[in-house]
Amino acid sequence: LYKNGAQGLSFDPIVVSGPNTSMPHGVAG
């Protein structure tokens, strides 16, 4: 994101996998 010109993040990204994807606003772990 930053490499392509982002000047900040509009929110904390949500990156989840497997069963964690059933949580719409899960948190990467």
PDB file of all heavy atoms in Angstrom:
ATOM      1  N   LEU A   1       0.833  -1.208   0.000  1.00  0.00           N
ATOM      2  CA  LEU A   1       0.000   0.000   0.000  1.00  0.00           C
ATOM      3  C   LEU A   1       0.866   1.256   0.000  1.00  0.00           C
ATOM      4  O   LEU A   1       0.660   2.179  -0.797  1.00  0.00           O
ATOM      5  CB  LEU A   1      -0.936  -0.014   1.207  1.00  0.00           C
ATOM      6  CG  LEU A   1      -2.056  -1.059   1.187  1.00  0.00           C
ATOM      7  CD1 LEU A   1      -2.745  -1.137   2.548  1.00  0.00           C
ATOM      8  CD2 LEU A   1      -3.073  -0.758   0.089  1.00  0.00           C
ATOM      9  N   TYR A   2       1.844   1.303   0.903  1.00  0.00           N
ATOM     10  CA  TYR A   2       2.703   2.489   0.967  1.00  0.00           C
ATOM     11  C   TYR A   2       3.612   2.589  -0.248  1.00  0.00           C
ATOM     12  O   TYR A   2       3.883   3.693  -0.740  1.00  0.00           O
ATOM     13  CB  TYR A   2       3.520   2.469   2.262  1.00  0.00           C
ATOM     14  CG  TYR A   2       2.746   2.969   3.458  1.00  0.00           C
ATOM     15  CD1 TYR A   2       2.247   2.089   4.410  1.00  0.00           C
ATOM     16  CD2 TYR A   2       2.492   4.324   3.638  1.00  0.00           C
ATOM     17  CE1 TYR A   2       1.533   2.542   5.509  1.00  0.00           C
ATOM     18  CE2 TYR A   2       1.773   4.794   4.725  1.00  0.00           C
ATOM     19  CZ  TYR A   2       1.298   3.895   5.655  1.00  0.00           C
ATOM     20  OH  TYR A   2       0.584   4.355   6.730  1.00  0.00           O
ATOM     21  N   LYS A   3       4.066   1.466  -0.744  1.00  0.00           N
ATOM     22  CA  LYS A   3       4.935   1.476  -1.925  1.00  0.00           C
ATOM     23  C   LYS A   3       4.237   2.101  -3.122  1.00  0.00           C
ATOM     24  O   LYS A   3       4.872   2.730  -3.967  1.00  0.00           O
ATOM     25  CB  LYS A   3       5.370   0.048  -2.258  1.00  0.00           C
ATOM     26  CG  LYS A   3       6.307  -0.054  -3.457  1.00  0.00           C
ATOM     27  CD  LYS A   3       6.686  -1.497  -3.736  1.00  0.00           C
ATOM     28  CE  LYS A   3       7.591  -1.596  -4.965  1.00  0.00           C
ATOM     29  NZ  LYS A   3       7.927  -3.014  -5.265  1.00  0.00           N
ATOM     30  N   ASN A   4       2.917   1.963  -3.182  1.00  0.00           N
ATOM     31  CA  ASN A   4       2.163   2.463  -4.330  1.00  0.00           C
ATOM     32  C   ASN A   4       1.569   3.846  -4.115  1.00  0.00           C
ATOM     33  O   ASN A   4       0.761   4.300  -4.925  1.00  0.00           O
ATOM     34  CB  ASN A   4       1.076   1.455  -4.701  1.00  0.00           C
ATOM     35  CG  ASN A   4       1.640   0.275  -5.455  1.00  0.00           C
ATOM     36  OD1 ASN A   4       1.935   0.362  -6.639  1.00  0.00           O
ATOM     37  ND2 ASN A   4       1.834  -0.841  -4.760  1.00  0.00           N
ATOM     38  N   GLY A   5       1.956   4.521  -3.025  1.00  0.00           N
ATOM     39  CA  GLY A   5       1.569   5.917  -2.878  1.00  0.00           C
ATOM     40  C   GLY A   5       0.634   6.242  -1.743  1.00  0.00           C
ATOM     41  O   GLY A   5       0.198   7.401  -1.622  1.00  0.00           O
ATOM     42  N   ALA A   6       0.314   5.268  -0.887  1.00  0.00           N
ATOM     43  CA  ALA A   6      -0.538   5.578   0.264  1.00  0.00           C
ATOM     44  C   ALA A   6       0.130   6.620   1.145  1.00  0.00           C
ATOM     45  O   ALA A   6       1.334   6.573   1.380  1.00  0.00           O
ATOM     46  CB  ALA A   6      -0.813   4.315   1.075  1.00  0.00           C
ATOM     47  N   GLN A   7      -0.655   7.564   1.645  1.00  0.00           N
ATOM     48  CA  GLN A   7      -0.165   8.564   2.577  1.00  0.00           C
ATOM     49  C   GLN A   7      -0.612   8.247   4.004  1.00  0.00           C
ATOM     50  O   GLN A   7      -0.365   9.016   4.923  1.00  0.00           O
ATOM     51  CB  GLN A   7      -0.648   9.943   2.142  1.00  0.00           C
ATOM     52  CG  GLN A   7      -0.086  10.346   0.782  1.00  0.00           C
ATOM     53  CD  GLN A   7      -0.686  11.622   0.231  1.00  0.00           C
ATOM     54  OE1 GLN A   7      -1.716  12.104   0.714  1.00  0.00           O
ATOM     55  NE2 GLN A   7      -0.063  12.172  -0.793  1.00  0.00           N
ATOM     56  N   GLY A   8      -1.258   7.133   4.158  1.00  0.00           N
ATOM     57  CA  GLY A   8      -1.741   6.652   5.442  1.00  0.00           C
ATOM     58  C   GLY A   8      -2.717   5.532   5.178  1.00  0.00           C
ATOM     59  O   GLY A   8      -3.057   5.241   4.031  1.00  0.00           O
ATOM     60  N   LEU A   9      -3.170   4.888   6.239  1.00  0.00           N
ATOM     61  CA  LEU A   9      -4.182   3.841   6.129  1.00  0.00           C
ATOM     62  C   LEU A   9      -5.521   4.418   6.556  1.00  0.00           C
ATOM     63  O   LEU A   9      -5.612   5.121   7.569  1.00  0.00           O
ATOM     64  CB  LEU A   9      -3.813   2.646   7.012  1.00  0.00           C
ATOM     65  CG  LEU A   9      -2.450   1.997   6.736  1.00  0.00           C
ATOM     66  CD1 LEU A   9      -2.198   0.873   7.738  1.00  0.00           C
ATOM     67  CD2 LEU A   9      -2.361   1.481   5.311  1.00  0.00           C
ATOM     68  N   SER A  10      -6.568   4.122   5.809  1.00  0.00           N
ATOM     69  CA  SER A  10      -7.885   4.663   6.160  1.00  0.00           C
ATOM     70  C   SER A  10      -8.508   3.915   7.330  1.00  0.00           C
ATOM     71  O   SER A  10      -9.465   4.407   7.937  1.00  0.00           O
ATOM     72  CB  SER A  10      -8.821   4.654   4.948  1.00  0.00           C
ATOM     73  OG  SER A  10      -8.872   3.382   4.334  1.00  0.00           O
ATOM     74  N   PHE A  11      -7.982   2.739   7.659  1.00  0.00           N
ATOM     75  CA  PHE A  11      -8.378   1.981   8.842  1.00  0.00           C
ATOM     76  C   PHE A  11      -7.359   0.856   9.010  1.00  0.00           C
ATOM     77  O   PHE A  11      -6.574   0.580   8.095  1.00  0.00           O
ATOM     78  CB  PHE A  11      -9.799   1.413   8.726  1.00  0.00           C
ATOM     79  CG  PHE A  11     -10.003   0.518   7.532  1.00  0.00           C
ATOM     80  CD1 PHE A  11      -9.884  -0.865   7.628  1.00  0.00           C
ATOM     81  CD2 PHE A  11     -10.324   1.066   6.291  1.00  0.00           C
ATOM     82  CE1 PHE A  11     -10.065  -1.679   6.530  1.00  0.00           C
ATOM     83  CE2 PHE A  11     -10.517   0.252   5.181  1.00  0.00           C
ATOM     84  CZ  PHE A  11     -10.383  -1.127   5.301  1.00  0.00           C
ATOM     85  N   ASP A  12      -7.374   0.211  10.166  1.00  0.00           N
ATOM     86  CA  ASP A  12      -6.477  -0.921  10.385  1.00  0.00           C
ATOM     87  C   ASP A  12      -6.901  -2.064   9.470  1.00  0.00           C
ATOM     88  O   ASP A  12      -8.063  -2.496   9.518  1.00  0.00           O
ATOM     89  CB  ASP A  12      -6.528  -1.394  11.837  1.00  0.00           C
ATOM     90  CG  ASP A  12      -5.917  -0.392  12.793  1.00  0.00           C
ATOM     91  OD1 ASP A  12      -5.084   0.428  12.343  1.00  0.00           O
ATOM     92  OD2 ASP A  12      -6.276  -0.420  13.994  1.00  0.00           O
ATOM     93  N   PRO A  13      -6.000  -2.580   8.636  1.00  0.00           N
ATOM     94  CA  PRO A  13      -6.393  -3.651   7.710  1.00  0.00           C
ATOM     95  C   PRO A  13      -6.910  -4.880   8.453  1.00  0.00           C
ATOM     96  O   PRO A  13      -6.515  -5.163   9.584  1.00  0.00           O
ATOM     97  CB  PRO A  13      -5.096  -3.970   6.963  1.00  0.00           C
ATOM     98  CG  PRO A  13      -4.242  -2.762   7.127  1.00  0.00           C
ATOM     99  CD  PRO A  13      -4.595  -2.195   8.469  1.00  0.00           C
ATOM    100  N   ILE A  14      -7.813  -5.580   7.785  1.00  0.00           N
ATOM    101  CA  ILE A  14      -8.308  -6.863   8.275  1.00  0.00           C
ATOM    102  C   ILE A  14      -7.697  -7.942   7.386  1.00  0.00           C
ATOM    103  O   ILE A  14      -7.943  -7.964   6.173  1.00  0.00           O
ATOM    104  CB  ILE A  14      -9.847  -6.934   8.215  1.00  0.00           C
ATOM    105  CG1 ILE A  14     -10.461  -5.865   9.123  1.00  0.00           C
ATOM    106  CG2 ILE A  14     -10.354  -8.323   8.588  1.00  0.00           C
ATOM    107  CD1 ILE A  14     -11.941  -5.633   8.888  1.00  0.00           C
ATOM    108  N   VAL A  15      -6.872  -8.800   7.952  1.00  0.00           N
ATOM    109  CA  VAL A  15      -6.252  -9.902   7.216  1.00  0.00           C
ATOM    110  C   VAL A  15      -6.461 -11.163   8.045  1.00  0.00           C
ATOM    111  O   VAL A  15      -5.829 -11.339   9.086  1.00  0.00           O
ATOM    112  CB  VAL A  15      -4.753  -9.656   6.956  1.00  0.00           C
ATOM    113  CG1 VAL A  15      -4.142 -10.841   6.206  1.00  0.00           C
ATOM    114  CG2 VAL A  15      -4.547  -8.364   6.157  1.00  0.00           C
ATOM    115  N   VAL A  16      -7.379 -12.018   7.596  1.00  0.00           N
ATOM    116  CA  VAL A  16      -7.736 -13.212   8.355  1.00  0.00           C
ATOM    117  C   VAL A  16      -7.814 -14.411   7.412  1.00  0.00           C
ATOM    118  O   VAL A  16      -8.056 -14.251   6.210  1.00  0.00           O
ATOM    119  CB  VAL A  16      -9.069 -13.032   9.106  1.00  0.00           C
ATOM    120  CG1 VAL A  16      -8.899 -12.112  10.299  1.00  0.00           C
ATOM    121  CG2 VAL A  16     -10.156 -12.477   8.185  1.00  0.00           C
ATOM    122  N   SER A  17      -7.638 -15.602   7.981  1.00  0.00           N
ATOM    123  CA  SER A  17      -7.574 -16.806   7.160  1.00  0.00           C
ATOM    124  C   SER A  17      -8.370 -17.935   7.788  1.00  0.00           C
ATOM    125  O   SER A  17      -8.657 -17.931   8.998  1.00  0.00           O
ATOM    126  CB  SER A  17      -6.115 -17.248   6.980  1.00  0.00           C
ATOM    127  OG  SER A  17      -5.544 -17.602   8.233  1.00  0.00           O
ATOM    128  N   GLY A  18      -8.729 -18.932   6.948  1.00  0.00           N
ATOM    129  CA  GLY A  18      -9.402 -20.121   7.438  1.00  0.00           C
ATOM    130  C   GLY A  18     -10.663 -19.809   8.213  1.00  0.00           C
ATOM    131  O   GLY A  18     -11.467 -18.970   7.792  1.00  0.00           O
ATOM    132  N   PRO A  19     -10.854 -20.439   9.374  1.00  0.00           N
ATOM    133  CA  PRO A  19     -12.074 -20.183  10.153  1.00  0.00           C
ATOM    134  C   PRO A  19     -12.175 -18.745  10.648  1.00  0.00           C
ATOM    135  O   PRO A  19     -13.275 -18.280  10.955  1.00  0.00           O
ATOM    136  CB  PRO A  19     -11.968 -21.172  11.322  1.00  0.00           C
ATOM    137  CG  PRO A  19     -10.523 -21.539  11.398  1.00  0.00           C
ATOM    138  CD  PRO A  19     -10.005 -21.476  10.003  1.00  0.00           C
ATOM    139  N   ASN A  20     -11.062 -18.049  10.710  1.00  0.00           N
ATOM    140  CA  ASN A  20     -11.108 -16.645  11.150  1.00  0.00           C
ATOM    141  C   ASN A  20     -11.844 -15.749  10.151  1.00  0.00           C
ATOM    142  O   ASN A  20     -12.269 -14.649  10.501  1.00  0.00           O
ATOM    143  CB  ASN A  20      -9.697 -16.104  11.367  1.00  0.00           C
ATOM    144  CG  ASN A  20      -8.998 -16.747  12.552  1.00  0.00           C
ATOM    145  OD1 ASN A  20      -9.651 -17.311  13.423  1.00  0.00           O
ATOM    146  ND2 ASN A  20      -7.681 -16.678  12.588  1.00  0.00           N
ATOM    147  N   THR A  21     -11.985 -16.197   8.899  1.00  0.00           N
ATOM    148  CA  THR A  21     -12.687 -15.371   7.915  1.00  0.00           C
ATOM    149  C   THR A  21     -14.186 -15.295   8.192  1.00  0.00           C
ATOM    150  O   THR A  21     -14.884 -14.483   7.576  1.00  0.00           O
ATOM    151  CB  THR A  21     -12.458 -15.902   6.483  1.00  0.00           C
ATOM    152  OG1 THR A  21     -12.920 -17.265   6.398  1.00  0.00           O
ATOM    153  CG2 THR A  21     -10.988 -15.846   6.100  1.00  0.00           C
ATOM    154  N   SER A  22     -14.695 -16.127   9.111  1.00  0.00           N
ATOM    155  CA  SER A  22     -16.117 -16.024   9.461  1.00  0.00           C
ATOM    156  C   SER A  22     -16.390 -14.833  10.366  1.00  0.00           C
ATOM    157  O   SER A  22     -17.549 -14.523  10.649  1.00  0.00           O
ATOM    158  CB  SER A  22     -16.592 -17.305  10.149  1.00  0.00           C
ATOM    159  OG  SER A  22     -16.028 -17.433  11.446  1.00  0.00           O
ATOM    160  N   MET A  23     -15.330 -14.147  10.820  1.00  0.00           N
ATOM    161  CA  MET A  23     -15.476 -12.936  11.641  1.00  0.00           C
ATOM    162  C   MET A  23     -15.261 -11.720  10.739  1.00  0.00           C
ATOM    163  O   MET A  23     -14.125 -11.457  10.310  1.00  0.00           O
ATOM    164  CB  MET A  23     -14.464 -12.950  12.794  1.00  0.00           C
ATOM    165  CG  MET A  23     -14.682 -14.092  13.769  1.00  0.00           C
ATOM    166  SD  MET A  23     -13.487 -14.112  15.141  1.00  0.00           S
ATOM    167  CE  MET A  23     -12.037 -14.778  14.303  1.00  0.00           C
ATOM    168  N   PRO A  24     -16.330 -10.971  10.417  1.00  0.00           N
ATOM    169  CA  PRO A  24     -16.206  -9.873   9.450  1.00  0.00           C
ATOM    170  C   PRO A  24     -15.115  -8.874   9.788  1.00  0.00           C
ATOM    171  O   PRO A  24     -14.462  -8.343   8.900  1.00  0.00           O
ATOM    172  CB  PRO A  24     -17.596  -9.227   9.481  1.00  0.00           C
ATOM    173  CG  PRO A  24     -18.509 -10.335   9.885  1.00  0.00           C
ATOM    174  CD  PRO A  24     -17.719 -11.166  10.855  1.00  0.00           C
ATOM    175  N   HIS A  25     -14.916  -8.599  11.069  1.00  0.00           N
ATOM    176  CA  HIS A  25     -13.879  -7.663  11.494  1.00  0.00           C
ATOM    177  C   HIS A  25     -12.860  -8.364  12.377  1.00  0.00           C
ATOM    178  O   HIS A  25     -12.461  -7.858  13.424  1.00  0.00           O
ATOM    179  CB  HIS A  25     -14.483  -6.445  12.194  1.00  0.00           C
ATOM    180  CG  HIS A  25     -14.973  -5.408  11.243  1.00  0.00           C
ATOM    181  ND1 HIS A  25     -15.220  -4.101  11.616  1.00  0.00           N
ATOM    182  CD2 HIS A  25     -15.250  -5.466   9.927  1.00  0.00           C
ATOM    183  CE1 HIS A  25     -15.645  -3.409  10.572  1.00  0.00           C
ATOM    184  NE2 HIS A  25     -15.676  -4.231   9.534  1.00  0.00           N
ATOM    185  N   GLY A  26     -12.424  -9.530  11.938  1.00  0.00           N
ATOM    186  CA  GLY A  26     -11.388 -10.244  12.656  1.00  0.00           C
ATOM    187  C   GLY A  26     -10.068  -9.495  12.624  1.00  0.00           C
ATOM    188  O   GLY A  26      -9.872  -8.572  11.828  1.00  0.00           O
ATOM    189  N   VAL A  27      -9.157  -9.902  13.484  1.00  0.00           N
ATOM    190  CA  VAL A  27      -7.859  -9.238  13.624  1.00  0.00           C
ATOM    191  C   VAL A  27      -6.756 -10.238  13.298  1.00  0.00           C
ATOM    192  O   VAL A  27      -6.772 -11.380  13.767  1.00  0.00           O
ATOM    193  CB  VAL A  27      -7.674  -8.692  15.054  1.00  0.00           C
ATOM    194  CG1 VAL A  27      -6.300  -8.056  15.219  1.00  0.00           C
ATOM    195  CG2 VAL A  27      -8.775  -7.695  15.383  1.00  0.00           C
ATOM    196  N   ALA A  28      -5.796  -9.803  12.489  1.00  0.00           N
ATOM    197  CA  ALA A  28      -4.679 -10.676  12.127  1.00  0.00           C
ATOM    198  C   ALA A  28      -3.937 -11.136  13.368  1.00  0.00           C
ATOM    199  O   ALA A  28      -3.714 -10.369  14.308  1.00  0.00           O
ATOM    200  CB  ALA A  28      -3.728  -9.940  11.176  1.00  0.00           C
ATOM    201  N   GLY A  29      -3.537 -12.418  13.335  1.00  0.00           N
ATOM    202  CA  GLY A  29      -2.802 -12.963  14.468  1.00  0.00           C
ATOM    203  C   GLY A  29      -1.722 -13.917  14.001  1.00  0.00           C
ATOM    204  O   GLY A  29      -1.248 -13.845  12.861  1.00  0.00           O
TER     205      GLY A  29
END
